[in-house]
Amino acid sequence: MKALEKSHPQEGLWMVRAPVPEIGPDEVLIRINKTGICGTDIHIWNWDDWASATVPVPMITGHEFAGEIVEIGRDVDGLQIGQRCSGEGHLVGHDSRQARSGKFHLDPGTRGIGVNEQGAFAQYLRLPAFNVVPLPDDIPDEIGAILDPLGNAVHTALSFDLLGEDVLITGAGPIGIMAAAVARHAGARHVAITDINADRLQLAQHVVPTVRAIDVTREDLNDVIAELGMKEGFDVGLEMSGSQAALDQMVEALVMGGKIALLGIPPGKSPVDWSRIVFKAITIKGVYGREMFETWYKMIAMLQNGLDVSKVITHQFGVDAFEQGFAAMKSGRSGKVVLNWR
């Protein structure tokens, strides 16, 4: 089969011929139709410090996908040959306290496909049946291929009650933009998103026309708070950028007792003014991945009930043009980039 592989400990990925995976009794074989390129894949392409310390070589990368089941292990129930699906890319154990209590997303032994195990940038993927998420007929493959990052957005956005609340999102990358769409769908009153990238802010308004996009190099958040008629600031913050400056701005823009969900990952250690957070009585929640499988249930239900994130996909390429896809992602001017495998 064709596969995109990190074949060498240096920048880039390579198209290779790899054996079709053999499945075990509790696994399925998925023929891949479409895959999304993730920020994690960019780290692996660039072979930065995180990637070189984490990813064994050789490794078939990729973890955002949609496809169909073509083979089922002998002990698998409830799935069928030909069934369309996506899947949870976090492979968990079942022996930890967290897993045994049903909090699978908190299992400390979690491993990632395309990072620690052979991934989805290939014509076929082996996946535990436990991780398979069937796709309803009304969700197309290109949306199925970005359910993983949409799940990050949903998990972050739904960390706190949003109904009637004013929400500030820092970081207008694809996940931040999808979080804005989720916040509006979940009943937030005002949703604002900040960045320093004009192209991404423009995309945010294209995907979510009701969002207030703010270039923080040109506008002051306090002026936007006054413009929107808020008395004390935003109620909920969703930090998606990994920027300490953005987090500092968020803390100042929140009401007393405000809540922050952190998904963005800073590059290394960051100085935090904890006294300001304490004196404002701010609640902070770290978010990793998706809740298994409540997040998947919620986002599929929302997609079937009017949530539209389709415009966040700005580029689609045939897999043989994967270098163009990665260039688009690395440009900082794209939304989600999807590779077509068929």
C-alpha atoms as a PDB file:
ATOM      1  CA  MET A   1       0.000   0.000   0.000  1.00  0.00           C
ATOM      2  CA  LYS A   2       0.967   3.661  -0.360  1.00  0.00           C
ATOM      3  CA  ALA A   3       1.911   5.357   2.889  1.00  0.00           C
ATOM      4  CA  LEU A   4       3.438   8.627   4.045  1.00  0.00           C
ATOM      5  CA  GLU A   5       6.275   7.787   6.356  1.00  0.00           C
ATOM      6  CA  LYS A   6       8.784   9.564   8.545  1.00  0.00           C
ATOM      7  CA  SER A   7      11.548   7.431   7.121  1.00  0.00           C
ATOM      8  CA  HIS A   8      14.558   9.467   8.250  1.00  0.00           C
ATOM      9  CA  PRO A   9      15.285  11.647  11.309  1.00  0.00           C
ATOM     10  CA  GLN A  10      15.187  14.878   9.328  1.00  0.00           C
ATOM     11  CA  GLU A  11      12.704  17.345   7.842  1.00  0.00           C
ATOM     12  CA  GLY A  12      10.044  15.932   5.537  1.00  0.00           C
ATOM     13  CA  LEU A  13       7.904  12.853   4.925  1.00  0.00           C
ATOM     14  CA  TRP A  14       8.392  10.224   2.255  1.00  0.00           C
ATOM     15  CA  MET A  15       5.915   8.272   0.126  1.00  0.00           C
ATOM     16  CA  VAL A  16       6.723   4.575   0.524  1.00  0.00           C
ATOM     17  CA  ARG A  17       5.286   1.157  -0.230  1.00  0.00           C
ATOM     18  CA  ALA A  18       4.389  -0.559   3.036  1.00  0.00           C
ATOM     19  CA  PRO A  19       2.712  -3.886   3.848  1.00  0.00           C
ATOM     20  CA  VAL A  20      -1.033  -3.788   4.443  1.00  0.00           C
ATOM     21  CA  PRO A  21      -1.419  -4.221   8.231  1.00  0.00           C
ATOM     22  CA  GLU A  22      -2.545  -7.574   9.588  1.00  0.00           C
ATOM     23  CA  ILE A  23      -5.329  -7.242  12.159  1.00  0.00           C
ATOM     24  CA  GLY A  24      -5.827  -9.041  15.440  1.00  0.00           C
ATOM     25  CA  PRO A  25      -9.040 -10.573  16.792  1.00  0.00           C
ATOM     26  CA  ASP A  26     -10.210  -7.279  18.383  1.00  0.00           C
ATOM     27  CA  GLU A  27      -9.224  -5.016  15.488  1.00  0.00           C
ATOM     28  CA  VAL A  28     -10.567  -3.846  12.152  1.00  0.00           C
ATOM     29  CA  LEU A  29      -8.873  -2.894   8.896  1.00  0.00           C
ATOM     30  CA  ILE A  30     -10.007   0.450   7.494  1.00  0.00           C
ATOM     31  CA  ARG A  31      -9.541   1.551   3.905  1.00  0.00           C
ATOM     32  CA  ILE A  32      -8.690   5.240   4.121  1.00  0.00           C
ATOM     33  CA  ASN A  33     -10.626   7.673   1.949  1.00  0.00           C
ATOM     34  CA  LYS A  34      -9.537  11.051   3.321  1.00  0.00           C
ATOM     35  CA  THR A  35      -7.113  12.325   5.940  1.00  0.00           C
ATOM     36  CA  GLY A  36      -6.609  15.702   7.573  1.00  0.00           C
ATOM     37  CA  ILE A  37      -3.202  17.261   8.187  1.00  0.00           C
ATOM     38  CA  CYS A  38      -2.785  18.205  11.852  1.00  0.00           C
ATOM     39  CA  GLY A  39      -0.433  20.597  13.611  1.00  0.00           C
ATOM     40  CA  THR A  40       1.147  17.507  15.156  1.00  0.00           C
ATOM     41  CA  ASP A  41       1.950  16.279  11.644  1.00  0.00           C
ATOM     42  CA  ILE A  42       3.690  19.598  10.970  1.00  0.00           C
ATOM     43  CA  HIS A  43       5.853  19.077  14.075  1.00  0.00           C
ATOM     44  CA  ILE A  44       6.744  15.624  12.757  1.00  0.00           C
ATOM     45  CA  TRP A  45       7.451  16.982   9.262  1.00  0.00           C
ATOM     46  CA  ASN A  46       9.710  19.700  10.729  1.00  0.00           C
ATOM     47  CA  TRP A  47      11.368  17.150  13.043  1.00  0.00           C
ATOM     48  CA  ASP A  48      11.495  19.613  15.924  1.00  0.00           C
ATOM     49  CA  ASP A  49      12.672  18.823  19.454  1.00  0.00           C
ATOM     50  CA  TRP A  50       9.321  17.331  20.473  1.00  0.00           C
ATOM     51  CA  ALA A  51       9.071  15.109  17.404  1.00  0.00           C
ATOM     52  CA  SER A  52      12.658  13.855  17.565  1.00  0.00           C
ATOM     53  CA  ALA A  53      12.203  12.946  21.238  1.00  0.00           C
ATOM     54  CA  THR A  54       8.785  11.293  20.764  1.00  0.00           C
ATOM     55  CA  VAL A  55       8.372   9.670  17.351  1.00  0.00           C
ATOM     56  CA  PRO A  56      10.284   6.467  16.483  1.00  0.00           C
ATOM     57  CA  VAL A  57      11.638   6.194  12.938  1.00  0.00           C
ATOM     58  CA  PRO A  58      10.342   4.785  10.643  1.00  0.00           C
ATOM     59  CA  MET A  59       6.733   5.749  11.409  1.00  0.00           C
ATOM     60  CA  ILE A  60       3.650   6.095   9.193  1.00  0.00           C
ATOM     61  CA  THR A  61       2.190   9.355  10.442  1.00  0.00           C
ATOM     62  CA  GLY A  62      -1.331  10.825  10.444  1.00  0.00           C
ATOM     63  CA  HIS A  63      -4.277  10.401  12.794  1.00  0.00           C
ATOM     64  CA  GLU A  64      -7.210  12.351  11.285  1.00  0.00           C
ATOM     65  CA  PHE A  65      -9.145  10.131   8.893  1.00  0.00           C
ATOM     66  CA  ALA A  66     -12.343   8.851   7.367  1.00  0.00           C
ATOM     67  CA  GLY A  67     -12.716   5.543   5.577  1.00  0.00           C
ATOM     68  CA  GLU A  68     -14.615   2.281   5.500  1.00  0.00           C
ATOM     69  CA  ILE A  69     -14.171  -1.068   7.197  1.00  0.00           C
ATOM     70  CA  VAL A  70     -12.886  -3.809   4.876  1.00  0.00           C
ATOM     71  CA  GLU A  71     -11.925  -6.521   7.379  1.00  0.00           C
ATOM     72  CA  ILE A  72     -13.123  -7.396  10.889  1.00  0.00           C
ATOM     73  CA  GLY A  73     -11.366  -9.421  13.580  1.00  0.00           C
ATOM     74  CA  ARG A  74     -13.059 -12.607  14.744  1.00  0.00           C
ATOM     75  CA  ASP A  75     -13.982 -11.207  18.193  1.00  0.00           C
ATOM     76  CA  VAL A  76     -15.467  -7.924  16.928  1.00  0.00           C
ATOM     77  CA  ASP A  77     -19.198  -7.339  17.323  1.00  0.00           C
ATOM     78  CA  GLY A  78     -21.395  -4.431  16.228  1.00  0.00           C
ATOM     79  CA  LEU A  79     -19.403  -3.378  13.152  1.00  0.00           C
ATOM     80  CA  GLN A  80     -19.852  -4.406   9.529  1.00  0.00           C
ATOM     81  CA  ILE A  81     -17.801  -4.715   6.362  1.00  0.00           C
ATOM     82  CA  GLY A  82     -18.356  -1.611   4.219  1.00  0.00           C
ATOM     83  CA  GLN A  83     -19.316   0.565   7.203  1.00  0.00           C
ATOM     84  CA  ARG A  84     -18.078   4.154   6.934  1.00  0.00           C
ATOM     85  CA  CYS A  85     -16.159   5.347   9.944  1.00  0.00           C
ATOM     86  CA  SER A  86     -13.709   7.675  11.579  1.00  0.00           C
ATOM     87  CA  GLY A  87     -11.937   6.781  14.796  1.00  0.00           C
ATOM     88  CA  GLU A  88     -10.342   7.883  18.031  1.00  0.00           C
ATOM     89  CA  GLY A  89      -6.593   8.104  17.514  1.00  0.00           C
ATOM     90  CA  HIS A  90      -5.726   7.738  21.194  1.00  0.00           C
ATOM     91  CA  LEU A  91      -5.068   4.098  22.029  1.00  0.00           C
ATOM     92  CA  VAL A  92      -5.761   3.454  25.710  1.00  0.00           C
ATOM     93  CA  GLY A  93      -5.322   0.633  28.171  1.00  0.00           C
ATOM     94  CA  HIS A  94      -8.023  -0.737  30.420  1.00  0.00           C
ATOM     95  CA  ASP A  95      -6.156  -1.342  33.668  1.00  0.00           C
ATOM     96  CA  SER A  96      -5.602   2.155  35.078  1.00  0.00           C
ATOM     97  CA  ARG A  97      -7.924   3.682  37.652  1.00  0.00           C
ATOM     98  CA  GLN A  98      -9.010   6.286  35.097  1.00  0.00           C
ATOM     99  CA  ALA A  99      -9.847   3.734  32.411  1.00  0.00           C
ATOM    100  CA  ARG A 100     -11.631   1.405  34.834  1.00  0.00           C
ATOM    101  CA  SER A 101     -13.836   4.311  35.916  1.00  0.00           C
ATOM    102  CA  GLY A 102     -14.737   5.058  32.286  1.00  0.00           C
ATOM    103  CA  LYS A 103     -12.463   8.119  31.964  1.00  0.00           C
ATOM    104  CA  PHE A 104     -10.584   6.645  29.037  1.00  0.00           C
ATOM    105  CA  HIS A 105      -9.252  10.011  27.825  1.00  0.00           C
ATOM    106  CA  LEU A 106      -7.298  10.294  31.093  1.00  0.00           C
ATOM    107  CA  ASP A 107      -5.548   6.932  30.839  1.00  0.00           C
ATOM    108  CA  PRO A 108      -1.871   7.620  31.606  1.00  0.00           C
ATOM    109  CA  GLY A 109      -0.744   4.913  29.202  1.00  0.00           C
ATOM    110  CA  THR A 110      -2.329   6.545  26.142  1.00  0.00           C
ATOM    111  CA  ARG A 111      -0.501   6.075  22.834  1.00  0.00           C
ATOM    112  CA  GLY A 112      -1.256   7.896  19.593  1.00  0.00           C
ATOM    113  CA  ILE A 113      -1.633   6.486  16.093  1.00  0.00           C
ATOM    114  CA  GLY A 114       0.737   8.281  13.749  1.00  0.00           C
ATOM    115  CA  VAL A 115       2.918   9.224  16.731  1.00  0.00           C
ATOM    116  CA  ASN A 116       3.648   6.082  18.752  1.00  0.00           C
ATOM    117  CA  GLU A 117       1.880   3.525  16.526  1.00  0.00           C
ATOM    118  CA  GLN A 118       1.590   3.245  12.738  1.00  0.00           C
ATOM    119  CA  GLY A 119      -0.872   5.845  11.520  1.00  0.00           C
ATOM    120  CA  ALA A 120      -3.536   6.834   9.028  1.00  0.00           C
ATOM    121  CA  PHE A 121      -1.495   8.449   6.229  1.00  0.00           C
ATOM    122  CA  ALA A 122      -1.837   5.214   4.294  1.00  0.00           C
ATOM    123  CA  GLN A 123      -4.301   3.347   2.126  1.00  0.00           C
ATOM    124  CA  TYR A 124      -5.133   1.047   5.047  1.00  0.00           C
ATOM    125  CA  LEU A 125      -5.164   1.480   8.827  1.00  0.00           C
ATOM    126  CA  ARG A 126      -5.345  -1.133  11.569  1.00  0.00           C
ATOM    127  CA  LEU A 127      -7.418   0.108  14.525  1.00  0.00           C
ATOM    128  CA  PRO A 128      -8.890  -1.468  17.664  1.00  0.00           C
ATOM    129  CA  ALA A 129     -12.623  -1.928  17.183  1.00  0.00           C
ATOM    130  CA  PHE A 130     -13.069  -0.073  20.491  1.00  0.00           C
ATOM    131  CA  ASN A 131     -11.735   3.079  18.803  1.00  0.00           C
ATOM    132  CA  VAL A 132     -13.966   2.978  15.728  1.00  0.00           C
ATOM    133  CA  VAL A 133     -16.567   5.749  15.401  1.00  0.00           C
ATOM    134  CA  PRO A 134     -19.225   4.941  12.771  1.00  0.00           C
ATOM    135  CA  LEU A 135     -20.104   7.821  10.441  1.00  0.00           C
ATOM    136  CA  PRO A 136     -23.764   8.582   9.729  1.00  0.00           C
ATOM    137  CA  ASP A 137     -24.663   8.894   6.048  1.00  0.00           C
ATOM    138  CA  ASP A 138     -25.272  12.647   6.389  1.00  0.00           C
ATOM    139  CA  ILE A 139     -21.681  13.367   7.462  1.00  0.00           C
ATOM    140  CA  PRO A 140     -19.381  13.324   4.395  1.00  0.00           C
ATOM    141  CA  ASP A 141     -15.861  11.923   4.412  1.00  0.00           C
ATOM    142  CA  GLU A 142     -14.170  15.328   4.390  1.00  0.00           C
ATOM    143  CA  ILE A 143     -15.932  16.202   7.657  1.00  0.00           C
ATOM    144  CA  GLY A 144     -15.259  12.722   9.010  1.00  0.00           C
ATOM    145  CA  ALA A 145     -11.582  13.341   8.321  1.00  0.00           C
ATOM    146  CA  ILE A 146     -11.529  16.394  10.617  1.00  0.00           C
ATOM    147  CA  LEU A 147     -13.626  15.014  13.481  1.00  0.00           C
ATOM    148  CA  ASP A 148     -10.463  14.530  15.548  1.00  0.00           C
ATOM    149  CA  PRO A 149      -9.612  18.288  15.676  1.00  0.00           C
ATOM    150  CA  LEU A 150     -13.294  19.201  15.826  1.00  0.00           C
ATOM    151  CA  GLY A 151     -13.410  16.943  18.869  1.00  0.00           C
ATOM    152  CA  ASN A 152     -10.619  18.993  20.449  1.00  0.00           C
ATOM    153  CA  ALA A 153     -12.683  22.118  19.827  1.00  0.00           C
ATOM    154  CA  VAL A 154     -15.846  20.523  21.224  1.00  0.00           C
ATOM    155  CA  HIS A 155     -14.089  19.130  24.306  1.00  0.00           C
ATOM    156  CA  THR A 156     -12.576  22.549  25.037  1.00  0.00           C
ATOM    157  CA  ALA A 157     -15.683  24.609  24.298  1.00  0.00           C
ATOM    158  CA  LEU A 158     -18.035  22.383  26.281  1.00  0.00           C
ATOM    159  CA  SER A 159     -15.770  22.339  29.347  1.00  0.00           C
ATOM    160  CA  PHE A 160     -18.047  24.993  30.852  1.00  0.00           C
ATOM    161  CA  ASP A 161     -21.669  26.051  30.425  1.00  0.00           C
ATOM    162  CA  LEU A 162     -21.870  28.456  27.473  1.00  0.00           C
ATOM    163  CA  LEU A 163     -25.589  29.209  27.329  1.00  0.00           C
ATOM    164  CA  GLY A 164     -25.985  32.987  27.440  1.00  0.00           C
ATOM    165  CA  GLU A 165     -22.293  33.486  28.222  1.00  0.00           C
ATOM    166  CA  ASP A 166     -19.730  35.762  26.571  1.00  0.00           C
ATOM    167  CA  VAL A 167     -16.811  33.737  25.216  1.00  0.00           C
ATOM    168  CA  LEU A 168     -13.280  34.804  24.327  1.00  0.00           C
ATOM    169  CA  ILE A 169     -11.143  32.521  22.149  1.00  0.00           C
ATOM    170  CA  THR A 170      -7.434  33.206  21.753  1.00  0.00           C
ATOM    171  CA  GLY A 171      -5.928  31.678  18.621  1.00  0.00           C
ATOM    172  CA  ALA A 172      -7.746  31.622  15.259  1.00  0.00           C
ATOM    173  CA  GLY A 173      -6.259  28.415  13.940  1.00  0.00           C
ATOM    174  CA  PRO A 174      -8.682  25.783  12.619  1.00  0.00           C
ATOM    175  CA  ILE A 175      -9.451  24.418  16.108  1.00  0.00           C
ATOM    176  CA  GLY A 176     -10.047  27.893  17.536  1.00  0.00           C
ATOM    177  CA  ILE A 177     -12.334  28.735  14.628  1.00  0.00           C
ATOM    178  CA  MET A 178     -14.290  25.497  15.064  1.00  0.00           C
ATOM    179  CA  ALA A 179     -14.545  26.228  18.799  1.00  0.00           C
ATOM    180  CA  ALA A 180     -16.141  29.563  17.894  1.00  0.00           C
ATOM    181  CA  ALA A 181     -18.712  27.744  15.770  1.00  0.00           C
ATOM    182  CA  VAL A 182     -19.397  25.312  18.616  1.00  0.00           C
ATOM    183  CA  ALA A 183     -19.769  28.145  21.157  1.00  0.00           C
ATOM    184  CA  ARG A 184     -22.332  29.892  18.970  1.00  0.00           C
ATOM    185  CA  HIS A 185     -24.182  26.627  18.374  1.00  0.00           C
ATOM    186  CA  ALA A 186     -24.203  25.956  22.132  1.00  0.00           C
ATOM    187  CA  GLY A 187     -25.934  29.257  22.864  1.00  0.00           C
ATOM    188  CA  ALA A 188     -23.162  31.718  23.731  1.00  0.00           C
ATOM    189  CA  ARG A 189     -24.236  35.372  23.511  1.00  0.00           C
ATOM    190  CA  HIS A 190     -21.062  37.038  22.227  1.00  0.00           C
ATOM    191  CA  VAL A 191     -18.105  35.107  20.787  1.00  0.00           C
ATOM    192  CA  ALA A 192     -14.829  36.903  20.096  1.00  0.00           C
ATOM    193  CA  ILE A 193     -11.633  35.421  18.680  1.00  0.00           C
ATOM    194  CA  THR A 194      -8.169  36.984  18.730  1.00  0.00           C
ATOM    195  CA  ASP A 195      -5.030  36.472  16.679  1.00  0.00           C
ATOM    196  CA  ILE A 196      -2.231  38.418  14.994  1.00  0.00           C
ATOM    197  CA  ASN A 197      -2.735  36.643  11.639  1.00  0.00           C
ATOM    198  CA  ALA A 198      -5.126  38.627   9.431  1.00  0.00           C
ATOM    199  CA  ASP A 199      -5.742  35.685   7.087  1.00  0.00           C
ATOM    200  CA  ARG A 200      -6.883  33.442   9.924  1.00  0.00           C
ATOM    201  CA  LEU A 201      -9.135  36.132  11.360  1.00  0.00           C
ATOM    202  CA  GLN A 202     -10.696  36.567   7.922  1.00  0.00           C
ATOM    203  CA  LEU A 203     -11.258  32.807   7.741  1.00  0.00           C
ATOM    204  CA  ALA A 204     -12.845  32.873  11.198  1.00  0.00           C
ATOM    205  CA  GLN A 205     -15.428  35.382   9.987  1.00  0.00           C
ATOM    206  CA  HIS A 206     -15.982  33.322   6.829  1.00  0.00           C
ATOM    207  CA  VAL A 207     -16.685  30.161   8.849  1.00  0.00           C
ATOM    208  CA  VAL A 208     -18.585  31.889  11.699  1.00  0.00           C
ATOM    209  CA  PRO A 209     -20.030  35.168  10.357  1.00  0.00           C
ATOM    210  CA  THR A 210     -21.294  36.211  13.808  1.00  0.00           C
ATOM    211  CA  VAL A 211     -17.894  35.963  15.516  1.00  0.00           C
ATOM    212  CA  ARG A 212     -16.096  39.192  16.476  1.00  0.00           C
ATOM    213  CA  ALA A 213     -12.593  38.801  15.050  1.00  0.00           C
ATOM    214  CA  ILE A 214      -9.918  40.868  16.770  1.00  0.00           C
ATOM    215  CA  ASP A 215      -6.398  41.613  15.555  1.00  0.00           C
ATOM    216  CA  VAL A 216      -4.759  42.378  18.905  1.00  0.00           C
ATOM    217  CA  THR A 217      -1.990  44.336  17.160  1.00  0.00           C
ATOM    218  CA  ARG A 218      -4.644  46.827  16.020  1.00  0.00           C
ATOM    219  CA  GLU A 219      -7.461  46.691  18.579  1.00  0.00           C
ATOM    220  CA  ASP A 220      -7.676  46.781  22.365  1.00  0.00           C
ATOM    221  CA  LEU A 221      -9.752  44.062  24.009  1.00  0.00           C
ATOM    222  CA  ASN A 222     -11.164  46.607  26.467  1.00  0.00           C
ATOM    223  CA  ASP A 223     -12.588  48.581  23.548  1.00  0.00           C
ATOM    224  CA  VAL A 224     -14.232  45.431  22.176  1.00  0.00           C
ATOM    225  CA  ILE A 225     -15.705  44.642  25.602  1.00  0.00           C
ATOM    226  CA  ALA A 226     -17.274  48.107  25.659  1.00  0.00           C
ATOM    227  CA  GLU A 227     -18.422  47.794  22.030  1.00  0.00           C
ATOM    228  CA  LEU A 228     -20.250  44.543  22.816  1.00  0.00           C
ATOM    229  CA  GLY A 229     -21.961  46.089  25.837  1.00  0.00           C
ATOM    230  CA  MET A 230     -20.359  43.857  28.430  1.00  0.00           C
ATOM    231  CA  LYS A 231     -20.174  45.336  31.928  1.00  0.00           C
ATOM    232  CA  GLU A 232     -17.312  43.350  33.435  1.00  0.00           C
ATOM    233  CA  GLY A 233     -15.673  41.224  30.725  1.00  0.00           C
ATOM    234  CA  PHE A 234     -15.916  37.768  29.214  1.00  0.00           C
ATOM    235  CA  ASP A 235     -17.295  34.851  31.209  1.00  0.00           C
ATOM    236  CA  VAL A 236     -15.422  31.979  29.553  1.00  0.00           C
ATOM    237  CA  GLY A 237     -12.037  31.849  27.842  1.00  0.00           C
ATOM    238  CA  LEU A 238     -10.861  29.155  25.424  1.00  0.00           C
ATOM    239  CA  GLU A 239      -7.083  29.365  24.986  1.00  0.00           C
ATOM    240  CA  MET A 240      -6.061  27.761  21.685  1.00  0.00           C
ATOM    241  CA  SER A 241      -2.880  29.608  20.740  1.00  0.00           C
ATOM    242  CA  GLY A 242      -0.183  28.407  23.134  1.00  0.00           C
ATOM    243  CA  SER A 243       0.849  32.052  23.520  1.00  0.00           C
ATOM    244  CA  GLN A 244       1.613  33.340  27.000  1.00  0.00           C
ATOM    245  CA  ALA A 245       0.777  36.884  25.862  1.00  0.00           C
ATOM    246  CA  ALA A 246      -2.653  35.664  24.731  1.00  0.00           C
ATOM    247  CA  LEU A 247      -3.266  33.936  28.057  1.00  0.00           C
ATOM    248  CA  ASP A 248      -2.266  37.087  29.929  1.00  0.00           C
ATOM    249  CA  GLN A 249      -4.711  39.131  27.835  1.00  0.00           C
ATOM    250  CA  MET A 250      -7.424  36.552  28.486  1.00  0.00           C
ATOM    251  CA  VAL A 251      -6.946  36.705  32.256  1.00  0.00           C
ATOM    252  CA  GLU A 252      -7.315  40.477  32.195  1.00  0.00           C
ATOM    253  CA  ALA A 253     -10.394  40.334  29.932  1.00  0.00           C
ATOM    254  CA  LEU A 254     -12.337  37.855  32.108  1.00  0.00           C
ATOM    255  CA  VAL A 255     -14.893  38.636  34.793  1.00  0.00           C
ATOM    256  CA  MET A 256     -14.169  37.859  38.424  1.00  0.00           C
ATOM    257  CA  GLY A 257     -14.715  34.123  38.783  1.00  0.00           C
ATOM    258  CA  GLY A 258     -14.220  33.565  35.058  1.00  0.00           C
ATOM    259  CA  LYS A 259     -13.326  30.166  33.605  1.00  0.00           C
ATOM    260  CA  ILE A 260     -10.542  29.181  31.203  1.00  0.00           C
ATOM    261  CA  ALA A 261     -10.137  25.966  29.215  1.00  0.00           C
ATOM    262  CA  LEU A 262      -6.547  25.520  28.008  1.00  0.00           C
ATOM    263  CA  LEU A 263      -5.884  23.545  24.824  1.00  0.00           C
ATOM    264  CA  GLY A 264      -2.956  25.518  23.376  1.00  0.00           C
ATOM    265  CA  ILE A 265       0.504  24.239  24.285  1.00  0.00           C
ATOM    266  CA  PRO A 266       3.216  26.848  24.980  1.00  0.00           C
ATOM    267  CA  PRO A 267       6.673  26.146  23.509  1.00  0.00           C
ATOM    268  CA  GLY A 268       8.451  25.364  26.771  1.00  0.00           C
ATOM    269  CA  LYS A 269       8.009  26.963  30.182  1.00  0.00           C
ATOM    270  CA  SER A 270       6.130  30.251  30.503  1.00  0.00           C
ATOM    271  CA  PRO A 271       6.071  32.818  33.327  1.00  0.00           C
ATOM    272  CA  VAL A 272       2.557  33.025  34.776  1.00  0.00           C
ATOM    273  CA  ASP A 273       1.275  35.745  37.108  1.00  0.00           C
ATOM    274  CA  TRP A 274      -0.511  33.302  39.390  1.00  0.00           C
ATOM    275  CA  SER A 275      -1.427  36.027  41.880  1.00  0.00           C
ATOM    276  CA  ARG A 276      -3.586  37.689  39.225  1.00  0.00           C
ATOM    277  CA  ILE A 277      -5.354  34.385  38.537  1.00  0.00           C
ATOM    278  CA  VAL A 278      -5.882  33.755  42.259  1.00  0.00           C
ATOM    279  CA  PHE A 279      -7.178  37.252  43.033  1.00  0.00           C
ATOM    280  CA  LYS A 280      -9.631  37.032  40.118  1.00  0.00           C
ATOM    281  CA  ALA A 281     -10.755  33.585  41.365  1.00  0.00           C
ATOM    282  CA  ILE A 282     -10.320  32.110  37.894  1.00  0.00           C
ATOM    283  CA  THR A 283     -10.923  28.404  37.239  1.00  0.00           C
ATOM    284  CA  ILE A 284      -8.488  26.769  34.799  1.00  0.00           C
ATOM    285  CA  LYS A 285      -9.004  23.393  33.113  1.00  0.00           C
ATOM    286  CA  GLY A 286      -6.360  21.694  30.978  1.00  0.00           C
ATOM    287  CA  VAL A 287      -7.787  19.904  27.943  1.00  0.00           C
ATOM    288  CA  TYR A 288      -6.144  16.993  26.138  1.00  0.00           C
ATOM    289  CA  GLY A 289      -7.746  15.205  23.216  1.00  0.00           C
ATOM    290  CA  ARG A 290     -11.390  14.217  23.381  1.00  0.00           C
ATOM    291  CA  GLU A 291     -13.572  12.624  26.035  1.00  0.00           C
ATOM    292  CA  MET A 292     -14.039   9.033  24.942  1.00  0.00           C
ATOM    293  CA  PHE A 293     -16.645   8.817  23.668  1.00  0.00           C
ATOM    294  CA  GLU A 294     -18.948  11.548  24.883  1.00  0.00           C
ATOM    295  CA  THR A 295     -17.217  14.212  22.778  1.00  0.00           C
ATOM    296  CA  TRP A 296     -17.735  12.116  19.639  1.00  0.00           C
ATOM    297  CA  TYR A 297     -21.418  11.683  20.468  1.00  0.00           C
ATOM    298  CA  LYS A 298     -21.891  15.405  21.107  1.00  0.00           C
ATOM    299  CA  MET A 299     -20.129  16.621  17.970  1.00  0.00           C
ATOM    300  CA  ILE A 300     -21.901  14.190  15.669  1.00  0.00           C
ATOM    301  CA  ALA A 301     -25.211  15.221  17.209  1.00  0.00           C
ATOM    302  CA  MET A 302     -24.375  18.903  16.706  1.00  0.00           C
ATOM    303  CA  LEU A 303     -23.306  18.320  13.089  1.00  0.00           C
ATOM    304  CA  GLN A 304     -26.635  16.603  12.473  1.00  0.00           C
ATOM    305  CA  ASN A 305     -28.433  19.509  14.148  1.00  0.00           C
ATOM    306  CA  GLY A 306     -26.997  22.403  12.165  1.00  0.00           C
ATOM    307  CA  LEU A 307     -23.383  22.900  13.252  1.00  0.00           C
ATOM    308  CA  ASP A 308     -21.484  23.738  10.052  1.00  0.00           C
ATOM    309  CA  VAL A 309     -17.678  23.737  10.049  1.00  0.00           C
ATOM    310  CA  SER A 310     -17.265  22.769   6.389  1.00  0.00           C
ATOM    311  CA  LYS A 311     -15.775  26.123   5.385  1.00  0.00           C
ATOM    312  CA  VAL A 312     -12.819  25.577   7.693  1.00  0.00           C
ATOM    313  CA  ILE A 313     -11.537  23.136   5.038  1.00  0.00           C
ATOM    314  CA  THR A 314      -9.706  25.444   2.627  1.00  0.00           C
ATOM    315  CA  HIS A 315      -7.611  22.973   0.631  1.00  0.00           C
ATOM    316  CA  GLN A 316      -7.969  19.415  -0.668  1.00  0.00           C
ATOM    317  CA  PHE A 317      -5.193  17.597  -2.528  1.00  0.00           C
ATOM    318  CA  GLY A 318      -4.686  14.151  -3.954  1.00  0.00           C
ATOM    319  CA  VAL A 319      -2.233  12.301  -1.755  1.00  0.00           C
ATOM    320  CA  ASP A 320       0.435  12.333  -4.462  1.00  0.00           C
ATOM    321  CA  ALA A 321       0.477  16.130  -3.988  1.00  0.00           C
ATOM    322  CA  PHE A 322       1.044  15.795  -0.244  1.00  0.00           C
ATOM    323  CA  GLU A 323       3.980  18.220  -0.339  1.00  0.00           C
ATOM    324  CA  GLN A 324       1.615  20.955  -1.554  1.00  0.00           C
ATOM    325  CA  GLY A 325      -0.745  20.090   1.297  1.00  0.00           C
ATOM    326  CA  PHE A 326       1.974  20.429   3.901  1.00  0.00           C
ATOM    327  CA  ALA A 327       3.177  23.669   2.305  1.00  0.00           C
ATOM    328  CA  ALA A 328      -0.350  25.066   2.572  1.00  0.00           C
ATOM    329  CA  MET A 329      -0.543  24.105   6.247  1.00  0.00           C
ATOM    330  CA  LYS A 330       2.882  25.564   6.988  1.00  0.00           C
ATOM    331  CA  SER A 331       2.039  28.839   5.237  1.00  0.00           C
ATOM    332  CA  GLY A 332      -0.216  29.981   8.097  1.00  0.00           C
ATOM    333  CA  ARG A 333      -2.795  31.023   5.500  1.00  0.00           C
ATOM    334  CA  SER A 334      -4.880  27.852   5.375  1.00  0.00           C
ATOM    335  CA  GLY A 335      -7.632  26.301   7.387  1.00  0.00           C
ATOM    336  CA  LYS A 336      -7.818  22.520   7.457  1.00  0.00           C
ATOM    337  CA  VAL A 337      -6.034  20.706   4.638  1.00  0.00           C
ATOM    338  CA  VAL A 338      -7.449  17.334   3.518  1.00  0.00           C
ATOM    339  CA  LEU A 339      -5.633  14.660   1.503  1.00  0.00           C
ATOM    340  CA  ASN A 340      -7.665  12.353  -0.753  1.00  0.00           C
ATOM    341  CA  TRP A 341      -6.455   8.742  -0.834  1.00  0.00           C
ATOM    342  CA  ARG A 342      -8.877   7.366  -3.464  1.00  0.00           C
END
